Amino acid sequence: MHWFFIPFFILFFGISLCNVLAPEATWRRTRAWQYRNPSAAEPSAAAFKMQRIGGAVGIVIGLVLLIVTLSK
C-alpha cells in the first residue's frame, strides 16, 4: 500500500474543500496580498463560481485517486 500518498490526498482534498466552501476567503488568503487595494481587485462572481466548480472537481478526483491507491 502506498501510505505516503495519503497525506498528499488529505492536503489536496482540504484545499479543494476550501475552494468549494469559501472561495472568497481563499482568494483573500492567497491572492489579495498582491494588490494595493484588494477590494477593488476582487474577482467577479463568475470567477468565484468557477473556483467552486474547480474545487468540486478536485474533490472528486482526489477521492477517486485515494480509493484507487487504497485498493491496491
N, C-alpha and C. Protein backbone atom coordinates (compact mmCIF):
# COMPACT_ATOMS: atom_id res chain seq x y z
N MET A 1 0.84 -1.18 0.00
CA MET A 1 0.00 0.00 0.00
C MET A 1 0.88 1.24 0.00
N HIS A 2 0.47 2.22 -0.70
CA HIS A 2 1.25 3.44 -0.83
C HIS A 2 0.80 4.44 0.24
N TRP A 3 1.21 4.20 1.45
CA TRP A 3 0.78 5.01 2.59
C TRP A 3 1.29 6.44 2.50
N PHE A 4 2.40 6.65 1.81
CA PHE A 4 2.95 8.00 1.72
C PHE A 4 2.14 8.92 0.81
N PHE A 5 1.18 8.39 0.04
CA PHE A 5 0.31 9.23 -0.78
C PHE A 5 -0.85 9.81 0.02
N ILE A 6 -1.18 9.21 1.14
CA ILE A 6 -2.35 9.63 1.91
C ILE A 6 -2.25 11.08 2.37
N PRO A 7 -1.11 11.56 2.93
CA PRO A 7 -1.05 12.98 3.30
C PRO A 7 -1.25 13.92 2.11
N PHE A 8 -0.75 13.55 0.95
CA PHE A 8 -0.97 14.36 -0.25
C PHE A 8 -2.45 14.45 -0.59
N PHE A 9 -3.14 13.33 -0.52
CA PHE A 9 -4.56 13.33 -0.83
C PHE A 9 -5.35 14.13 0.20
N ILE A 10 -4.98 14.06 1.47
CA ILE A 10 -5.66 14.83 2.50
C ILE A 10 -5.46 16.32 2.25
N LEU A 11 -4.25 16.73 1.91
CA LEU A 11 -3.98 18.13 1.60
C LEU A 11 -4.75 18.57 0.36
N PHE A 12 -4.74 17.77 -0.68
CA PHE A 12 -5.46 18.06 -1.92
C PHE A 12 -6.95 18.20 -1.64
N PHE A 13 -7.50 17.29 -0.85
CA PHE A 13 -8.91 17.32 -0.50
C PHE A 13 -9.23 18.57 0.32
N GLY A 14 -8.37 18.92 1.27
CA GLY A 14 -8.59 20.09 2.11
C GLY A 14 -8.59 21.39 1.32
N ILE A 15 -7.65 21.54 0.41
CA ILE A 15 -7.59 22.75 -0.42
C ILE A 15 -8.81 22.83 -1.34
N SER A 16 -9.19 21.70 -1.91
CA SER A 16 -10.37 21.69 -2.77
C SER A 16 -11.63 22.01 -1.98
N LEU A 17 -11.73 21.49 -0.76
CA LEU A 17 -12.89 21.77 0.08
C LEU A 17 -12.96 23.25 0.43
N CYS A 18 -11.82 23.86 0.72
CA CYS A 18 -11.81 25.32 0.98
C CYS A 18 -12.28 26.10 -0.25
N ASN A 19 -11.90 25.66 -1.43
CA ASN A 19 -12.33 26.33 -2.66
C ASN A 19 -13.83 26.19 -2.87
N VAL A 20 -14.41 25.09 -2.45
CA VAL A 20 -15.85 24.89 -2.61
C VAL A 20 -16.62 25.70 -1.57
N LEU A 21 -16.18 25.64 -0.32
CA LEU A 21 -16.93 26.27 0.77
C LEU A 21 -16.76 27.78 0.85
N ALA A 22 -15.54 28.26 0.62
CA ALA A 22 -15.28 29.69 0.80
C ALA A 22 -14.27 30.20 -0.22
N PRO A 23 -14.66 30.33 -1.49
CA PRO A 23 -13.71 30.79 -2.49
C PRO A 23 -13.24 32.23 -2.26
N GLU A 24 -14.12 33.06 -1.68
CA GLU A 24 -13.73 34.45 -1.40
C GLU A 24 -12.61 34.49 -0.36
N ALA A 25 -12.76 33.70 0.69
CA ALA A 25 -11.73 33.66 1.73
C ALA A 25 -10.42 33.08 1.20
N THR A 26 -10.53 32.07 0.33
CA THR A 26 -9.33 31.50 -0.27
C THR A 26 -8.62 32.55 -1.12
N TRP A 27 -9.39 33.33 -1.87
CA TRP A 27 -8.78 34.39 -2.68
C TRP A 27 -8.09 35.41 -1.79
N ARG A 28 -8.75 35.81 -0.70
CA ARG A 28 -8.16 36.81 0.20
C ARG A 28 -6.85 36.30 0.81
N ARG A 29 -6.81 35.03 1.16
CA ARG A 29 -5.61 34.48 1.79
C ARG A 29 -4.46 34.23 0.81
N THR A 30 -4.80 33.95 -0.44
CA THR A 30 -3.75 33.56 -1.38
C THR A 30 -3.39 34.61 -2.42
N ARG A 31 -4.31 35.50 -2.77
CA ARG A 31 -4.06 36.44 -3.87
C ARG A 31 -4.18 37.91 -3.50
N ALA A 32 -4.97 38.23 -2.49
CA ALA A 32 -5.27 39.64 -2.19
C ALA A 32 -4.03 40.44 -1.82
N TRP A 33 -3.03 39.79 -1.27
CA TRP A 33 -1.81 40.50 -0.84
C TRP A 33 -1.08 41.14 -2.02
N GLN A 34 -1.35 40.71 -3.23
CA GLN A 34 -0.65 41.21 -4.40
C GLN A 34 -1.14 42.60 -4.83
N TYR A 35 -2.25 43.05 -4.28
CA TYR A 35 -2.87 44.30 -4.72
C TYR A 35 -2.81 45.35 -3.62
N ARG A 36 -2.63 46.57 -4.03
CA ARG A 36 -2.62 47.68 -3.07
C ARG A 36 -4.01 47.88 -2.48
N ASN A 37 -5.05 47.74 -3.31
CA ASN A 37 -6.43 47.87 -2.86
C ASN A 37 -7.16 46.57 -3.22
N PRO A 38 -7.08 45.55 -2.35
CA PRO A 38 -7.65 44.24 -2.69
C PRO A 38 -9.15 44.25 -2.97
N SER A 39 -9.90 45.09 -2.28
CA SER A 39 -11.35 45.09 -2.51
C SER A 39 -11.70 45.59 -3.92
N ALA A 40 -10.87 46.44 -4.49
CA ALA A 40 -11.12 46.92 -5.85
C ALA A 40 -10.73 45.89 -6.90
N ALA A 41 -9.85 44.97 -6.54
CA ALA A 41 -9.36 43.98 -7.50
C ALA A 41 -10.01 42.61 -7.30
N GLU A 42 -11.02 42.53 -6.48
CA GLU A 42 -11.66 41.25 -6.20
C GLU A 42 -12.29 40.68 -7.47
N PRO A 43 -12.16 39.38 -7.69
CA PRO A 43 -12.72 38.76 -8.89
C PRO A 43 -14.25 38.83 -8.91
N SER A 44 -14.79 38.57 -10.07
CA SER A 44 -16.24 38.61 -10.24
C SER A 44 -16.90 37.38 -9.62
N ALA A 45 -18.21 37.42 -9.55
CA ALA A 45 -18.97 36.28 -9.02
C ALA A 45 -18.78 35.04 -9.91
N ALA A 46 -18.65 35.26 -11.21
CA ALA A 46 -18.43 34.13 -12.12
C ALA A 46 -17.08 33.46 -11.85
N ALA A 47 -16.07 34.25 -11.52
CA ALA A 47 -14.76 33.68 -11.21
C ALA A 47 -14.83 32.84 -9.94
N PHE A 48 -15.58 33.31 -8.95
CA PHE A 48 -15.73 32.53 -7.73
C PHE A 48 -16.53 31.24 -7.98
N LYS A 49 -17.51 31.32 -8.88
CA LYS A 49 -18.26 30.10 -9.23
C LYS A 49 -17.35 29.09 -9.92
N MET A 50 -16.48 29.57 -10.80
CA MET A 50 -15.54 28.66 -11.46
C MET A 50 -14.57 28.05 -10.45
N GLN A 51 -14.19 28.83 -9.45
CA GLN A 51 -13.32 28.31 -8.41
C GLN A 51 -14.03 27.22 -7.61
N ARG A 52 -15.32 27.42 -7.35
CA ARG A 52 -16.10 26.39 -6.66
C ARG A 52 -16.21 25.12 -7.50
N ILE A 53 -16.45 25.29 -8.78
CA ILE A 53 -16.55 24.13 -9.67
C ILE A 53 -15.22 23.39 -9.72
N GLY A 54 -14.13 24.14 -9.82
CA GLY A 54 -12.81 23.51 -9.82
C GLY A 54 -12.53 22.78 -8.52
N GLY A 55 -12.97 23.33 -7.40
CA GLY A 55 -12.81 22.66 -6.12
C GLY A 55 -13.60 21.37 -6.05
N ALA A 56 -14.83 21.39 -6.59
CA ALA A 56 -15.65 20.18 -6.60
C ALA A 56 -15.02 19.09 -7.47
N VAL A 57 -14.50 19.50 -8.62
CA VAL A 57 -13.81 18.54 -9.49
C VAL A 57 -12.57 18.00 -8.77
N GLY A 58 -11.86 18.86 -8.06
CA GLY A 58 -10.69 18.42 -7.30
C GLY A 58 -11.04 17.42 -6.22
N ILE A 59 -12.18 17.63 -5.55
CA ILE A 59 -12.61 16.67 -4.52
C ILE A 59 -12.90 15.32 -5.15
N VAL A 60 -13.61 15.32 -6.26
CA VAL A 60 -13.94 14.05 -6.93
C VAL A 60 -12.67 13.33 -7.38
N ILE A 61 -11.76 14.05 -8.01
CA ILE A 61 -10.50 13.45 -8.47
C ILE A 61 -9.70 12.93 -7.28
N GLY A 62 -9.63 13.72 -6.21
CA GLY A 62 -8.89 13.30 -5.03
C GLY A 62 -9.47 12.04 -4.40
N LEU A 63 -10.78 11.97 -4.30
CA LEU A 63 -11.40 10.77 -3.73
C LEU A 63 -11.19 9.55 -4.60
N VAL A 64 -11.32 9.72 -5.91
CA VAL A 64 -11.09 8.59 -6.82
C VAL A 64 -9.65 8.09 -6.70
N LEU A 65 -8.70 9.00 -6.69
CA LEU A 65 -7.30 8.60 -6.57
C LEU A 65 -7.01 7.94 -5.23
N LEU A 66 -7.63 8.44 -4.17
CA LEU A 66 -7.44 7.83 -2.86
C LEU A 66 -8.01 6.41 -2.82
N ILE A 67 -9.19 6.23 -3.40
CA ILE A 67 -9.79 4.90 -3.43
C ILE A 67 -8.95 3.95 -4.26
N VAL A 68 -8.48 4.40 -5.40
CA VAL A 68 -7.63 3.55 -6.25
C VAL A 68 -6.34 3.18 -5.52
N THR A 69 -5.76 4.14 -4.84
CA THR A 69 -4.50 3.89 -4.14
C THR A 69 -4.71 2.92 -2.99
N LEU A 70 -5.79 3.08 -2.24
CA LEU A 70 -6.03 2.20 -1.10
C LEU A 70 -6.49 0.81 -1.52
N SER A 71 -7.02 0.66 -2.71
CA SER A 71 -7.50 -0.65 -3.15
C SER A 71 -6.37 -1.55 -3.65
N LYS A 72 -5.19 -0.96 -3.88
CA LYS A 72 -4.07 -1.78 -4.38
C LYS A 72 -3.29 -2.37 -3.25
